[in-house]
Protein backbone atom coordinates (compact mmCIF):
# COMPACT_ATOMS: atom_id res chain seq x y z
CA MET A 1 0.00 0.00 0.00
CA VAL A 2 1.11 3.56 -0.74
CA GLU A 3 1.66 4.79 2.81
CA TYR A 4 3.39 7.97 3.93
CA GLY A 5 5.43 6.31 6.66
CA GLN A 6 6.79 3.74 4.20
CA VAL A 7 7.74 6.49 1.75
CA ILE A 8 9.68 8.24 4.51
CA ARG A 9 11.47 4.99 5.34
CA GLU A 10 12.46 4.57 1.71
CA LEU A 11 13.69 8.17 1.69
CA GLU A 12 15.89 7.41 4.70
CA ILE A 13 17.30 4.31 3.01
CA SER A 14 18.07 6.14 -0.23
CA LEU A 15 19.77 9.12 1.38
CA PRO A 16 23.18 7.58 2.25
CA ARG A 17 23.55 6.25 -1.31
CA LEU A 18 22.74 9.65 -2.74
CA LEU A 19 25.09 11.53 -0.41
CA ALA A 20 27.88 9.09 -1.26
CA ARG A 21 27.69 10.25 -4.89
CA GLN A 22 27.90 13.95 -4.09
CA ILE A 23 31.19 15.72 -4.81
CA VAL A 24 32.19 17.63 -1.65
CA ASP A 25 35.73 18.68 -2.58
CA GLU A 26 35.55 22.48 -2.59
CA ARG A 27 38.50 22.65 -4.98
CA SER A 28 36.50 20.84 -7.68
CA THR A 29 34.32 22.64 -10.19
CA ASP A 30 31.95 19.70 -9.70
CA CYS A 31 31.57 20.40 -5.99
CA GLY A 32 27.93 19.94 -5.03
CA GLY A 33 27.04 17.81 -8.04
CA PHE A 34 26.40 14.08 -8.12
CA MET A 35 28.46 11.51 -9.99
CA ASP A 36 26.59 8.96 -12.10
CA GLY A 37 27.54 5.41 -13.02
CA ASP A 38 29.61 6.61 -15.97
CA GLY A 39 31.76 8.82 -13.79
CA LEU A 40 30.08 11.99 -15.07
CA VAL A 41 28.86 14.82 -12.88
CA GLY A 42 26.04 16.17 -15.01
CA PRO A 43 24.63 19.65 -14.53
CA ASN A 44 21.16 18.10 -14.51
CA SER A 45 22.07 16.29 -11.28
CA VAL A 46 20.93 19.42 -9.43
CA SER A 47 17.49 17.80 -9.45
CA SER A 48 18.75 15.49 -6.67
CA ALA A 49 18.57 18.47 -4.33
CA SER A 50 14.85 17.81 -3.99
CA THR A 51 15.46 14.46 -2.29
CA LEU A 52 17.85 16.06 0.19
CA ALA A 53 15.39 18.89 0.76
CA TYR A 54 12.53 16.53 1.59
CA ALA A 55 14.73 14.78 4.15
CA TYR A 56 15.50 18.16 5.73
CA LEU A 57 12.00 19.65 5.59
CA LEU A 58 9.71 16.77 6.56
CA ARG A 59 9.28 16.39 10.31
CA GLU A 60 9.05 12.61 10.12
CA SER A 61 12.53 12.38 8.67
CA SER A 62 15.43 11.60 11.03
CA HIS A 63 17.35 14.32 9.13
CA TYR A 64 14.75 16.98 9.88
CA GLN A 65 16.48 20.40 10.10
CA SER A 66 19.91 18.73 9.95
CA PRO A 67 22.66 21.39 9.61
CA GLU A 68 24.87 18.90 7.77
CA LEU A 69 22.13 18.17 5.24
CA LEU A 70 21.41 21.87 4.80
CA GLU A 71 25.05 22.43 3.87
CA ARG A 72 24.83 19.67 1.25
CA ILE A 73 21.66 21.18 -0.23
CA LEU A 74 23.19 24.64 -0.54
CA MET A 75 26.22 23.08 -2.21
CA VAL A 76 23.90 21.75 -4.92
CA GLY A 77 22.51 25.21 -5.52
CA ASP A 78 25.99 26.66 -5.91
CA PHE A 79 26.92 23.82 -8.29
CA GLY A 80 23.88 24.60 -10.45
CA ARG A 81 24.83 28.28 -10.68
CA ARG A 82 28.34 27.35 -11.82
CA ARG A 83 27.31 24.75 -14.35
CA ARG A 84 24.19 26.16 -16.02
CA ARG A 85 24.44 27.75 -19.44
CA PRO A 86 24.08 31.54 -19.95
CA SER A 87 20.52 30.85 -21.07
CA GLY A 88 19.74 29.38 -17.64
CA ASN A 89 19.42 25.90 -19.15
CA TYR A 90 21.29 22.77 -18.14
CA ASP A 91 23.03 20.00 -20.02
CA LEU A 92 22.10 16.33 -20.08
CA LEU A 93 25.57 15.05 -20.85
CA ILE A 94 24.46 11.82 -22.49
CA THR A 95 22.62 13.63 -25.31
CA ASN A 96 21.17 17.17 -24.79
CA PHE A 97 23.05 20.44 -24.29
CA ASP A 98 21.67 23.86 -23.35
CA SER A 99 18.49 21.86 -22.96
CA SER A 100 15.20 23.54 -22.13
CA PRO A 101 13.37 20.20 -21.70
CA ASP A 102 15.93 18.96 -19.18
CA THR A 103 15.68 22.28 -17.38
CA GLY A 104 11.96 21.57 -17.28
CA PHE A 105 12.57 18.19 -15.65
CA ILE A 106 14.82 19.88 -13.09
CA THR A 107 12.21 22.54 -12.36
CA LYS A 108 9.50 19.89 -11.89
CA SER A 109 11.77 18.19 -9.37
CA LEU A 110 12.83 21.28 -7.43
CA ALA A 111 9.58 23.28 -7.35
CA PRO A 112 7.66 21.09 -4.86
CA ALA A 113 10.64 21.21 -2.49
CA VAL A 114 10.85 24.99 -2.80
CA LYS A 115 7.13 25.29 -2.16
CA LEU A 116 7.46 23.11 0.92
CA ALA A 117 10.42 25.15 2.17
CA ARG A 118 8.52 28.41 1.84
CA VAL A 119 5.82 27.32 4.27
CA ALA A 120 8.27 26.06 6.93
CA GLU A 121 7.75 28.69 9.61
CA GLY A 122 10.59 29.79 11.85
CA ASP A 123 13.23 27.72 10.04
CA GLU A 124 16.04 29.83 8.65
CA GLY A 125 17.50 26.78 6.90
CA ALA A 126 14.26 26.22 5.03
CA GLN A 127 14.31 29.83 3.84
CA GLN A 128 17.87 29.36 2.60
CA ILE A 129 16.74 26.29 0.66
CA ALA A 130 13.81 28.20 -0.83
CA GLU A 131 16.08 31.05 -1.92
CA SER A 132 18.92 28.90 -3.28
CA LEU A 133 16.84 26.38 -5.23
CA GLY A 134 14.20 28.97 -6.11
CA GLU A 135 16.89 31.05 -7.81
CA LEU A 136 17.76 28.05 -10.02
CA ILE A 137 14.12 27.82 -11.08
CA LEU A 138 13.75 31.55 -11.73
CA SER A 139 16.98 31.76 -13.73
CA GLY A 140 15.92 28.78 -15.85
CA VAL A 141 12.65 30.38 -16.98
CA PRO A 142 14.00 32.34 -20.01
CA GLY A 143 15.73 29.27 -21.37
CA MET A 144 12.57 27.19 -21.03
CA VAL A 145 10.48 29.87 -22.74
CA ASN A 146 12.86 30.26 -25.66
CA GLY A 147 14.43 26.83 -25.95
CA GLY A 148 11.75 24.54 -27.37
CA PHE A 149 11.57 20.77 -27.16
CA HIS A 150 12.52 17.49 -28.86
CA THR A 151 9.86 14.87 -28.16
CA PRO A 152 6.08 15.05 -27.59
CA ASN A 153 6.25 14.58 -23.82
CA HIS A 154 8.67 17.52 -23.48
CA ARG A 155 5.85 19.95 -24.25
CA TRP A 156 3.94 18.93 -21.14
CA VAL A 157 7.11 18.84 -19.04
CA LEU A 158 7.68 22.48 -20.02
CA VAL A 159 4.05 23.40 -19.39
CA ALA A 160 4.27 21.90 -15.91
CA ALA A 161 7.64 23.48 -15.18
CA LEU A 162 6.56 26.95 -16.29
CA SER A 163 3.28 26.62 -14.40
CA LEU A 164 5.11 25.66 -11.22
CA ALA A 165 7.59 28.50 -11.74
CA LYS A 166 4.77 31.01 -12.14
CA GLU A 167 3.09 29.69 -9.01
CA LEU A 168 6.32 30.43 -7.12
CA PHE A 169 7.09 33.69 -8.95
CA PRO A 170 3.77 35.21 -10.10
CA ASP A 171 5.38 38.17 -11.89
CA ILE A 172 7.27 36.14 -14.51
CA GLU A 173 5.92 36.31 -18.08
CA VAL A 174 5.37 32.71 -19.12
CA GLN A 175 1.62 32.48 -19.69
CA ASP A 176 1.81 33.02 -23.45
CA THR A 177 4.25 30.12 -23.78
CA ILE A 178 2.06 27.90 -21.63
CA GLU A 179 -1.00 28.74 -23.71
CA ALA A 180 0.88 28.17 -26.97
CA TYR A 181 1.77 24.64 -25.95
CA LEU A 182 -1.69 23.86 -24.60
CA ALA A 183 -3.24 25.15 -27.84
CA GLU A 184 -1.65 22.16 -29.61
CA THR A 185 -4.01 19.98 -27.51
CA ILE A 186 -2.91 17.02 -25.42
CA ASP A 187 -1.81 14.10 -27.60
CA CYS A 188 -4.04 11.50 -25.95
CA ASN A 189 -6.31 9.56 -28.29
CA ALA A 190 -9.77 8.20 -27.52
CA ASP A 191 -8.23 4.93 -26.28
CA GLY A 192 -6.10 6.82 -23.75
CA GLU A 193 -2.77 6.44 -25.50
CA TYR A 194 -0.16 9.17 -25.99
CA ILE A 195 1.90 9.55 -29.18
CA GLU A 196 5.02 7.89 -27.81
CA ARG A 197 3.14 4.76 -26.66
CA SER A 198 5.64 4.44 -23.83
CA THR A 199 3.88 2.47 -21.13
CA GLY A 200 7.14 1.91 -19.26
CA VAL A 201 8.51 5.48 -19.11
CA TYR A 202 6.85 8.44 -20.78
CA ASN A 203 3.19 7.81 -19.97
CA ALA A 204 4.21 8.45 -16.38
CA VAL A 205 6.11 11.60 -17.36
CA VAL A 206 3.13 13.05 -19.20
CA ASN A 207 0.62 12.15 -16.48
CA ARG A 208 2.81 13.63 -13.77
CA SER A 209 3.28 16.83 -15.80
CA LEU A 210 -0.41 17.29 -16.50
CA ILE A 211 -1.38 16.71 -12.86
CA LEU A 212 1.15 19.30 -11.69
CA ALA A 213 0.06 21.77 -14.36
CA SER A 214 -3.59 21.23 -13.56
CA GLN A 215 -3.00 22.02 -9.89
CA ALA A 216 -0.73 25.02 -10.53
CA LEU A 217 -3.02 26.54 -13.19
CA SER A 218 -6.33 25.50 -11.58
CA ARG A 219 -7.34 23.77 -14.79
CA PRO A 220 -9.11 20.51 -13.96
CA GLU A 221 -9.71 19.77 -17.65
CA LEU A 222 -6.03 18.81 -17.95
CA LEU A 223 -6.84 15.74 -15.86
CA ASP A 224 -9.18 14.21 -18.44
CA PRO A 225 -6.38 12.74 -20.61
CA VAL A 226 -4.67 11.54 -17.44
CA ARG A 227 -7.75 9.55 -16.48
CA ARG A 228 -8.00 8.02 -19.96
CA ASN A 229 -4.34 7.06 -19.89
CA LEU A 230 -4.49 5.57 -16.41
CA ASP A 231 -7.44 3.41 -17.48
CA PHE A 232 -5.51 2.38 -20.60
CA ASN A 233 -2.34 1.64 -18.63
CA TYR A 234 -4.08 -0.78 -16.31
CA HIS A 235 -5.12 -2.89 -19.27
CA MET A 236 -1.49 -2.95 -20.40
CA LEU A 237 -0.34 -4.69 -17.20
CA HIS A 238 0.35 -8.40 -17.05
CA GLY A 239 -0.73 -10.57 -14.14
CA ASP A 240 2.55 -9.88 -12.29
CA ALA A 241 2.20 -6.09 -12.78
CA THR A 242 4.90 -5.93 -15.45
CA VAL A 243 3.84 -3.88 -18.42
CA VAL A 244 3.48 -4.37 -22.17
CA THR A 245 6.32 -2.46 -23.83
CA SER A 246 6.35 -4.14 -27.26
CA ILE A 247 4.16 -1.29 -28.55
CA SER A 248 6.47 1.50 -27.37
CA ARG A 249 8.13 3.95 -29.75
CA ARG A 250 10.78 4.82 -27.17
CA GLN A 251 13.73 3.22 -25.35
CA ASP A 252 11.57 1.11 -23.04
CA ARG A 253 10.44 -1.09 -25.95
CA GLY A 254 10.82 -4.77 -25.13
CA ALA A 255 11.91 -4.20 -21.52
CA ARG A 256 9.98 -6.13 -18.90
CA SER A 257 9.58 -4.38 -15.59
CA VAL A 258 7.01 -3.19 -13.09
CA PRO A 259 6.28 0.47 -13.97
CA THR A 260 6.41 1.89 -10.46
CA THR A 261 6.86 5.32 -12.05
CA LEU A 262 3.15 5.20 -12.86
CA ALA A 263 2.22 4.82 -9.19
CA ASP A 264 2.31 8.53 -8.29
CA GLY A 265 -0.16 9.31 -11.08
CA TYR A 266 -2.56 6.67 -9.84
CA GLN A 267 -2.09 7.81 -6.25
CA ALA A 268 -2.68 11.48 -7.07
CA MET A 269 -5.82 10.78 -9.07
CA ALA A 270 -7.08 8.42 -6.35
CA HIS A 271 -7.09 11.36 -3.94
CA ILE A 272 -8.28 13.97 -6.44
CA ASP A 273 -11.21 11.81 -7.61
CA ASP A 274 -11.68 9.72 -4.45
CA ASN A 275 -11.19 6.76 -6.79
CA GLY A 276 -10.66 3.38 -5.18
CA PHE A 277 -9.65 1.74 -8.46
CA TYR A 278 -6.73 4.12 -8.94
CA ALA A 279 -5.73 3.69 -5.30
CA ALA A 280 -5.68 -0.09 -5.67
CA VAL A 281 -3.56 0.09 -8.84
CA ALA A 282 -1.05 2.35 -7.07
CA ASP A 283 -0.86 -0.14 -4.19
CA TRP A 284 -0.33 -3.05 -6.59
CA LEU A 285 2.47 -1.30 -8.48
CA VAL A 286 4.43 -0.31 -5.39
CA GLU A 287 3.92 -3.75 -3.84
CA ARG A 288 5.15 -5.60 -6.92
CA GLY A 289 7.85 -3.03 -7.72
CA LYS A 290 8.95 -2.83 -4.07
CA SER A 291 9.26 0.95 -4.17
CA SER A 292 6.90 3.82 -3.39
CA ILE A 293 9.29 6.75 -3.14
CA VAL A 294 8.00 8.11 -6.46
CA CYS A 295 4.95 9.24 -4.46
CA LEU A 296 7.01 11.44 -2.13
CA PRO A 297 6.35 14.73 -4.01
CA ASN A 298 2.61 14.02 -3.82
CA PHE A 299 2.79 13.84 -0.05
CA ALA A 300 5.05 16.90 0.12
CA LEU A 301 2.68 19.04 -1.97
CA ASN A 302 -0.51 17.70 -0.42
CA PRO A 303 -0.10 17.23 3.36
CA ALA A 304 -3.72 16.10 3.76
CA TRP A 305 -2.95 13.00 1.66
CA ARG A 306 -0.51 11.79 4.34
CA THR A 307 -3.42 10.66 6.51
CA ALA A 308 -6.37 10.58 4.10
CA GLU A 309 -7.88 7.19 3.30
CA VAL A 310 -9.35 6.19 -0.07
CA ALA A 311 -11.43 3.01 0.02
CA ARG A 312 -9.84 0.48 -2.31
CA GLU A 313 -11.69 -1.38 -5.04
CA LYS A 314 -10.94 -4.92 -6.11
CA LEU A 315 -8.96 -4.94 -9.34
CA PRO A 316 -10.34 -6.96 -12.26
CA THR A 317 -8.09 -9.89 -13.24
CA SER A 318 -10.08 -11.19 -16.20
CA TYR A 319 -10.99 -9.02 -19.17
CA ALA A 320 -10.75 -8.61 -22.93
CA LYS A 321 -10.61 -5.11 -24.32
CA SER A 322 -10.18 -3.69 -27.81
CA PHE A 323 -8.55 -0.32 -28.42
CA PRO A 324 -9.55 0.41 -32.03
CA VAL A 325 -7.83 3.78 -32.46
CA SER A 326 -4.51 2.37 -31.25
CA GLY A 327 -4.99 -0.97 -33.03
CA LEU A 328 -4.58 -2.98 -29.83
CA TRP A 329 -6.35 -5.94 -28.27
CA ARG A 330 -5.61 -6.91 -24.70
CA VAL A 331 -6.78 -10.06 -22.95
CA ARG A 332 -6.05 -11.12 -19.41
CA ARG A 333 -7.26 -14.30 -17.79
CA GLY A 334 -5.71 -14.47 -14.34
CA GLY A 335 -2.01 -15.14 -14.88
CA ALA A 336 -2.30 -15.33 -18.67
CA SER A 337 -2.01 -12.10 -20.64
CA ALA A 338 -2.04 -11.54 -24.41
CA THR A 339 -1.52 -8.59 -26.72
CA ALA A 340 -2.42 -8.16 -30.38
CA ALA A 341 -1.07 -5.05 -32.07
CA ALA A 342 -1.34 -3.50 -35.51
CA GLY A 343 1.65 -1.94 -37.21
CA LEU A 344 4.27 -4.21 -35.61
CA THR A 345 6.28 -7.16 -36.90
CA SER A 346 5.33 -8.96 -33.68
CA PRO A 347 1.52 -8.92 -34.01
CA PHE A 348 0.76 -11.23 -31.08
CA SER A 349 2.38 -12.09 -27.77
CA VAL A 350 1.49 -14.10 -24.67
CA VAL A 351 2.82 -13.88 -21.13
CA TYR A 352 2.17 -16.44 -18.42
CA GLY A 353 4.21 -15.74 -15.31
CA GLN A 354 7.87 -15.94 -16.32
CA ALA A 355 7.11 -17.61 -19.65
CA GLU A 356 6.79 -15.19 -22.56
CA MET A 357 6.19 -15.85 -26.25
CA THR A 358 6.09 -13.50 -29.23
CA LEU A 359 4.68 -14.45 -32.63
CA LYS A 360 6.19 -13.46 -35.97
CA LEU A 361 5.10 -14.51 -39.45
CA CYS A 362 7.12 -14.35 -42.64
CA SER A 363 7.33 -15.61 -46.21
CA THR A 364 10.04 -15.31 -48.84
CA TYR A 365 7.70 -13.49 -51.22
CA PHE A 366 9.95 -10.70 -52.48
CA ALA A 367 10.52 -7.89 -49.95
CA THR A 368 6.94 -8.12 -48.69
CA GLY A 369 7.18 -11.27 -46.60
CA GLN A 370 7.51 -9.94 -43.04
CA PHE A 371 4.01 -9.75 -41.57
CA VAL A 372 2.91 -6.32 -40.39
CA GLY A 373 -0.73 -6.17 -39.37
CA GLU A 374 -3.13 -3.61 -40.83
CA ASP A 375 -6.93 -3.25 -40.91
CA PHE A 376 -7.29 -3.97 -37.20
CA VAL A 377 -10.68 -5.19 -36.02
CA GLY A 378 -11.18 -6.18 -32.39
CA SER A 379 -13.99 -7.37 -30.16
CA GLU A 380 -14.21 -8.88 -26.70
CA ARG A 381 -13.65 -12.40 -28.02
CA GLU A 382 -11.24 -11.93 -30.92
CA ALA A 383 -9.05 -9.63 -33.00
CA HIS A 384 -8.17 -9.67 -36.68
CA LEU A 385 -5.17 -8.30 -38.55
CA GLN A 386 -4.44 -8.34 -42.27
CA HIS A 387 -1.00 -8.16 -43.90
CA MET A 388 -1.53 -6.41 -47.22
CA GLY A 389 1.83 -7.15 -48.82
CA HIS A 390 3.29 -3.67 -49.05
CA ASN A 391 6.82 -3.46 -50.40
CA LYS A 392 8.36 -0.89 -48.07
CA ILE A 393 12.01 -0.99 -49.09
CA TYR A 394 11.33 1.06 -52.23
CA PRO A 395 10.09 4.44 -50.93
CA GLU A 396 9.36 6.18 -54.22
CA LYS A 397 6.00 4.39 -54.68
CA ASP A 398 3.49 2.30 -52.77
CA TYR A 399 4.42 -1.01 -54.37
CA ARG A 400 2.53 -4.14 -53.41
CA GLY A 401 3.53 -7.68 -54.15
CA GLY A 402 6.27 -8.67 -56.54
CA ILE A 403 7.80 -6.01 -58.72
CA TYR A 404 10.21 -6.04 -61.63
CA TRP A 405 11.27 -2.88 -63.46
CA LEU A 406 11.46 -2.53 -67.25
CA PRO A 407 13.91 -0.52 -69.38
CA ILE A 408 13.39 3.23 -69.64
CA ASP A 409 14.50 5.66 -72.33
CA GLU A 410 16.70 7.72 -70.00
CA GLN A 411 20.33 7.84 -68.95
CA VAL A 412 20.69 6.25 -65.49
CA ASP A 413 23.51 6.63 -62.98
CA ALA A 414 24.04 6.20 -59.25
CA GLU A 415 22.76 9.65 -58.41
CA ASN A 416 19.39 9.40 -60.16
CA TRP A 417 18.81 5.66 -59.81
CA GLN A 418 16.01 5.85 -57.23
CA GLU A 419 14.31 8.83 -58.85
CA VAL A 420 14.27 7.15 -62.27
CA ARG A 421 13.08 3.86 -60.80
CA GLY A 422 9.83 5.54 -59.78
CA ARG A 423 9.13 6.39 -63.44
CA ARG A 424 9.86 2.97 -64.90
CA ALA A 425 7.18 0.72 -66.31
CA THR A 426 6.82 -2.43 -64.22
CA TYR A 427 5.97 -6.08 -64.43
CA GLU A 428 4.02 -6.85 -61.28
CA LEU A 429 2.84 -9.95 -59.45
CA PRO A 430 -0.13 -9.93 -57.06
CA PRO A 431 0.55 -9.28 -53.37
CA LEU A 432 0.60 -12.23 -50.98
CA GLN A 433 -1.83 -11.22 -48.26
CA VAL A 434 -1.97 -12.92 -44.87
CA SER A 435 -4.94 -12.97 -42.51
CA LEU A 436 -4.37 -13.50 -38.78
CA ARG A 437 -7.40 -14.02 -36.55
CA MET A 438 -6.72 -14.40 -32.83
CA VAL A 439 -9.50 -15.91 -30.73
CA SER A 440 -9.65 -16.13 -26.95
CA VAL A 441 -10.63 -19.67 -25.90
CA GLU A 442 -10.63 -21.57 -22.65
CA GLY A 443 -7.06 -22.02 -21.48
CA GLY A 444 -5.49 -19.85 -24.16
CA PHE A 445 -5.85 -18.72 -27.75
CA ASP A 446 -6.45 -20.10 -31.23
CA LEU A 447 -4.65 -18.41 -34.12
CA HIS A 448 -6.28 -18.82 -37.52
CA LEU A 449 -3.87 -18.14 -40.38
CA ALA A 450 -4.74 -17.95 -44.08
CA THR A 451 -3.00 -16.58 -47.14
CA SER A 452 -4.60 -15.19 -50.29
CA GLY A 453 -3.25 -13.85 -53.54
CA GLY A 454 0.40 -14.06 -54.49
CA LEU A 455 1.64 -17.25 -56.13
CA ASP A 456 1.68 -20.84 -54.98
CA GLY A 457 4.76 -22.62 -53.69
CA VAL A 458 6.03 -19.79 -51.47
CA PRO A 459 7.97 -20.80 -48.31
CA PHE A 460 6.32 -19.57 -45.13
CA GLN A 461 7.26 -19.70 -41.46
CA ILE A 462 5.50 -19.21 -38.15
CA GLU A 463 8.01 -18.14 -35.50
CA PHE A 464 7.50 -18.33 -31.76
CA SER A 465 10.18 -16.36 -29.92
CA PHE A 466 10.52 -17.39 -26.27
CA THR A 467 12.45 -15.71 -23.50
CA PRO A 468 15.61 -17.84 -23.11
CA GLY A 469 16.44 -19.88 -20.06
CA GLY A 470 13.46 -22.24 -20.17
CA THR A 471 12.93 -25.81 -21.30
CA LEU A 472 11.26 -26.98 -24.52
CA GLU A 473 9.55 -30.35 -24.46
CA THR A 474 7.78 -32.34 -27.18
CA GLU A 475 6.70 -35.95 -27.32
CA ASN A 476 10.21 -36.98 -28.35
CA VAL A 477 12.55 -34.10 -27.46
CA LEU A 478 13.62 -32.27 -24.32
CA LEU A 479 16.07 -29.41 -24.72
CA GLU A 480 17.24 -26.17 -23.16
CA GLY A 481 15.86 -22.97 -24.60
CA LYS A 482 19.17 -21.20 -25.02
CA GLU A 483 19.57 -17.67 -26.27
CA GLY A 484 20.23 -17.58 -30.00
CA ASN A 485 19.14 -21.18 -30.66
CA THR A 486 16.42 -22.31 -33.07
CA ALA A 487 14.30 -25.49 -33.17
CA PHE A 488 11.69 -26.78 -35.64
CA LEU A 489 8.36 -28.25 -34.54
CA LYS A 490 7.68 -30.87 -37.20
CA ARG A 491 4.47 -32.22 -35.72
CA GLY A 492 2.46 -32.40 -32.52
CA THR A 493 2.67 -29.93 -29.68
CA ALA A 494 5.63 -28.25 -28.00
CA LEU A 495 5.56 -26.96 -24.44
CA TYR A 496 7.95 -24.25 -23.27
CA ARG A 497 8.29 -23.71 -19.55
CA VAL A 498 10.20 -21.39 -17.26
CA GLY A 499 9.98 -22.94 -13.84
CA ASN A 500 6.39 -24.13 -13.69
CA ASP A 501 5.05 -21.34 -15.92
CA ALA A 502 4.33 -22.83 -19.33
CA ILE A 503 3.03 -22.05 -22.82
CA SER A 504 2.25 -24.74 -25.39
CA VAL A 505 1.95 -24.32 -29.17
CA GLY A 506 0.98 -26.63 -31.99
CA PRO A 507 0.35 -28.56 -34.11
CA GLY A 508 3.67 -28.43 -35.87
CA SER A 509 4.49 -28.68 -39.58
CA HIS A 510 7.74 -29.06 -41.46
CA ALA A 511 7.62 -28.02 -45.12
CA HIS A 512 11.20 -26.68 -45.24
CA SER A 513 14.29 -26.18 -43.07
CA MET A 514 15.16 -22.53 -43.60
CA TRP A 515 17.00 -21.58 -40.41
CA ALA A 516 17.28 -17.91 -41.41
CA MET A 517 14.52 -17.04 -43.85
CA ARG A 518 15.22 -14.12 -46.09
CA ASN A 519 12.99 -11.11 -45.25
CA SER A 520 12.50 -12.32 -41.66
CA GLU A 521 13.65 -10.29 -38.70
CA SER A 522 16.54 -11.92 -36.91
CA SER A 523 17.02 -11.80 -33.16
CA SER A 524 19.89 -13.38 -31.27
CA ASP A 525 18.56 -12.76 -27.76
CA VAL A 526 15.60 -15.21 -27.86
CA PHE A 527 14.97 -18.92 -28.32
CA ARG A 528 13.09 -19.52 -31.58
CA LEU A 529 10.67 -22.30 -32.40
CA LEU A 530 9.63 -22.55 -36.06
CA ILE A 531 6.65 -24.13 -37.78
CA THR A 532 7.19 -24.13 -41.54
CA ASP A 533 4.73 -24.35 -44.42
CA MET A 534 4.20 -23.39 -48.05
CA ALA A 535 1.70 -20.81 -49.27
CA PRO A 536 -1.13 -20.91 -50.03
CA LEU A 537 -2.01 -22.11 -46.56
CA LYS A 538 -4.86 -22.23 -44.09
CA ARG A 539 -3.88 -23.32 -40.61
CA THR A 540 -4.97 -23.05 -36.97
CA ILE A 541 -2.38 -22.86 -34.21
CA GLN A 542 -3.43 -23.60 -30.65
CA ILE A 543 -1.71 -21.73 -27.83
CA ARG A 544 -2.40 -22.78 -24.27
CA CYS A 545 -1.09 -21.35 -20.99
CA GLY A 546 -0.91 -22.81 -17.53
CA THR A 547 1.13 -24.40 -14.78
CA TRP A 548 3.29 -27.39 -15.63
CA SER A 549 2.74 -30.42 -13.40
CA ALA A 550 5.89 -32.55 -13.32
CA THR A 551 4.04 -35.39 -11.56
CA GLU A 552 1.10 -35.47 -13.97
CA ARG A 553 3.23 -34.51 -16.98
CA LYS A 554 0.69 -32.06 -18.27
CA LEU A 555 -0.33 -28.45 -18.36
CA LEU A 556 -2.76 -27.45 -15.63
CA PRO A 557 -5.06 -24.42 -16.13
């Protein structure tokens, strides 16, 4: 459960590790900053001052009003003044320099601490903190106003930062910039998904920014996209609270982790809306992720939340939900969780505990063979995707199917080759289209595959990529699922298990032995199981999930 006392305990545990990274040598230009794992003392590390400030300012902390901690906090302020750019912006040494968005992140971190320090009556140290860190915020405002952004979430980071800055310093002229960003409208679709589709990282960033901006600007309408996204995010969680990241357009794609960074958004909206569902999700995330310190700024900014109780609701563990705008279908049945997604080369995946499987489909039909689902249709029971056979490696035209170019009455060289190619007459073959229908059934899923168009006699493969480290078992074979290895399922059913968590697939087929099919995506960090066929084809694959019983030698639901 998200509980104020536990957050304070986590703060106390984190503090020695943070202080150990602070440079305290007064002869160093890095004095006051914090060294990261790469040995760099980044200017953006000034944001760590907020953690120290909470430990100093909150009465429940054992470091409350500590003179030693106050000295460390003021050192951070001095470091920031030495290392910021003339614009007032800070560098993120791994990629961004003179960066207004990273200054926005810093401001979002420091502003709640400054606000808390300002209301600490009779504490001279708190006033020093407010002045030192507040000056960093005020000096960063021009750079944030003029500096712009890189990625979609940066806009809302800057809106939140400027809103918080104006709340602290009402006379600054930032409202026009805030309104200009908000006029673009929040990039949350009807399904509740933001542009970056980053369930593991940037959904939390956007939600946090909009909540802070809503409170600072007194604009409750900014919370509507937050609610939609929180509802969406819950349906992206597996049974162990890890999150679907295969759909992400950012660096969290493919990573499997519990997104505890989402917890503060759920916690804040639980209190704002008196919503027991959000409160229960926040509890689940911090319990499974074993960390709740992300909620500390919420408690700092909203003292009433430290003791307020929101009645929890029971979380649903069985559902099927279609997100038509995003082209997603999510099914959860207890510990089993499945995702169908349009626009990806991995159109379907299943997770059961520690066992995880991703489906890929491919043929050798020219450069069109790798399945990418379009024309998404989803319902509670099933989802359908269609691969249309686009040839995407030739950008000058929307080619479909097989293509051969004919001579043209022009001079052709290396410089105009692509341009001329778009004007050539062509000899074309019909596209090989692939239909994938995924149906939720008792114990798992049935995948109905069918090809149409194209030509006959085309090699085709169905690939199941499993997380390595498990065991694959068939009627006749038992082998380790090692990273980078490939096996063929010629007939019958194969069961892949990690511990007692298991996923079975079948029946197998063996029409060819292409270990590395041309056009197919290669991946060396998974264990691959292949079922091979020849198009045209019409086939049903059964996928079942459950607990492996070693004594009964079977899969239990």
